[in-house]
Protein backbone atom coordinates (compact mmCIF):
# COMPACT_ATOMS: atom_id res chain seq x y z
CA THR A 1 110.74 -26.34 91.04
CA ASP A 2 111.10 -24.11 87.98
CA PRO A 3 111.28 -20.64 89.56
CA TYR A 4 111.15 -17.21 87.98
CA VAL A 5 110.68 -13.71 89.42
CA LYS A 6 107.82 -11.38 88.50
CA VAL A 7 108.30 -7.69 89.34
CA SER A 8 105.32 -5.32 89.21
CA LEU A 9 105.48 -1.53 89.27
CA MET A 10 102.64 -0.44 91.57
CA CYS A 11 100.96 2.92 92.16
CA GLU A 12 98.11 3.35 94.64
CA GLY A 13 97.42 -0.39 94.66
CA ARG A 14 97.27 -0.67 90.86
CA ARG A 15 99.80 -2.49 88.69
CA LEU A 16 101.18 -0.12 86.06
CA LYS A 17 103.75 -2.41 84.44
CA LYS A 18 105.26 -5.84 84.99
CA ARG A 19 108.43 -7.65 83.97
CA LYS A 20 109.72 -11.14 84.63
CA THR A 21 113.01 -12.99 84.59
CA THR A 22 113.87 -16.16 82.76
CA THR A 23 112.72 -19.44 84.30
CA LYS A 24 115.44 -21.52 85.96
CA LYS A 25 114.67 -25.20 85.48
CA ASN A 26 114.82 -27.80 88.28
CA THR A 27 116.46 -25.77 91.03
CA LEU A 28 115.69 -24.69 94.57
CA ASN A 29 118.57 -22.18 94.53
CA PRO A 30 118.23 -20.07 91.37
CA VAL A 31 120.62 -17.25 90.57
CA TYR A 32 119.34 -14.40 88.41
CA ASN A 33 121.98 -12.12 86.98
CA GLU A 34 119.38 -9.98 85.24
CA ALA A 35 118.40 -6.33 85.37
CA ILE A 36 114.77 -5.28 85.43
CA ILE A 37 114.29 -1.65 84.42
CA PHE A 38 111.27 0.62 84.68
CA ASP A 39 111.39 4.22 83.39
CA ILE A 40 109.86 6.41 86.08
CA PRO A 41 109.83 10.20 85.87
CA PRO A 42 111.72 11.69 88.86
CA GLU A 43 108.64 13.57 90.02
CA ASN A 44 106.68 10.29 90.30
CA VAL A 45 109.26 8.11 92.03
CA ASP A 46 107.80 8.82 95.47
CA GLN A 47 104.39 7.50 94.35
CA VAL A 48 105.39 4.00 93.20
CA SER A 49 106.59 0.76 94.72
CA LEU A 50 107.76 -2.62 93.47
CA SER A 51 106.00 -5.88 94.21
CA ILE A 52 108.38 -8.82 93.77
CA ALA A 53 106.99 -12.36 93.53
CA VAL A 54 108.99 -15.55 93.19
CA MET A 55 106.88 -17.94 91.14
CA ASP A 56 107.05 -21.65 90.32
CA TYR A 57 106.39 -22.18 86.61
CA ASP A 58 103.83 -24.87 85.87
CA ARG A 59 103.35 -26.05 82.31
CA VAL A 60 99.87 -27.32 83.14
CA GLY A 61 97.58 -25.24 85.34
CA HIS A 62 98.45 -22.11 87.28
CA ASN A 63 101.91 -20.88 88.24
CA GLU A 64 102.29 -21.02 92.02
CA VAL A 65 103.52 -18.12 94.17
CA ILE A 66 106.49 -19.24 96.28
CA GLY A 67 106.80 -15.95 98.18
CA VAL A 68 106.66 -12.18 97.83
CA CYS A 69 108.38 -9.03 99.06
CA ARG A 70 107.90 -5.32 98.46
CA THR A 71 110.11 -2.27 98.11
CA GLY A 72 108.96 1.32 97.94
CA ILE A 73 107.73 4.25 99.92
CA ASP A 74 104.83 2.22 101.35
CA ALA A 75 106.95 -0.85 102.17
CA GLU A 76 108.06 -1.70 105.69
CA GLY A 77 111.47 -2.48 107.18
CA LEU A 78 114.16 -3.56 104.73
CA GLY A 79 111.90 -2.89 101.74
CA ARG A 80 111.64 0.77 102.66
CA ASP A 81 115.33 1.03 103.62
CA HIS A 82 116.38 -0.44 100.27
CA TRP A 83 114.10 2.01 98.42
CA ASN A 84 115.47 5.01 100.33
CA GLU A 85 119.04 3.90 99.60
CA MET A 86 118.21 3.62 95.88
CA LEU A 87 116.77 7.14 95.94
CA ALA A 88 119.86 8.48 97.73
CA TYR A 89 122.21 7.01 95.08
CA PRO A 90 120.44 7.31 91.70
CA ARG A 91 121.85 5.34 88.75
CA LYS A 92 123.91 3.15 91.10
CA PRO A 93 122.89 -0.50 91.55
CA ILE A 94 121.93 -1.13 95.19
CA THR A 95 121.63 -4.78 96.22
CA HIS A 96 120.06 -6.37 99.29
CA TRP A 97 118.76 -9.78 100.25
CA HIS A 98 115.04 -9.72 101.04
CA PRO A 99 113.11 -12.37 102.94
CA LEU A 100 110.07 -13.75 101.15
CA VAL A 101 106.73 -13.90 102.89
CA GLU A 102 103.85 -16.22 102.08
CA VAL A 103 100.84 -14.92 100.24
CA ARG A 104 97.72 -15.07 102.39
C-alpha cells in the first residue's frame, strides 16, 4: 500500500478545511512525523471536530479508505477523551493511538 492521512476540520457535518500528510510508499506500517495545524478561534473550538482518514493512494482510479477515526466534542470514547485533554492543555502536543474503523 501507499498510505497517507487526510484530516478534515468538521462543523455541523460540513467539512470546513482539509489537510493531508505525505504519501509513504510501499509500507503497511507508515510513520508520520508531521504536524497538521488548523487555526480555530477559541470561541469556536467547542463546535468543531476532526475526521481522520487513512487512505491508500492509487495512481489510477480512486484512492481507497483504509479506515477512519474521529476526535472532537461529538466523538465517542477515546476520540472525545483525546479532544478534552487537548482543550485542557492548550498549545501542548497531546498524543494518543486511535483504532481505525471501517467505512460503511
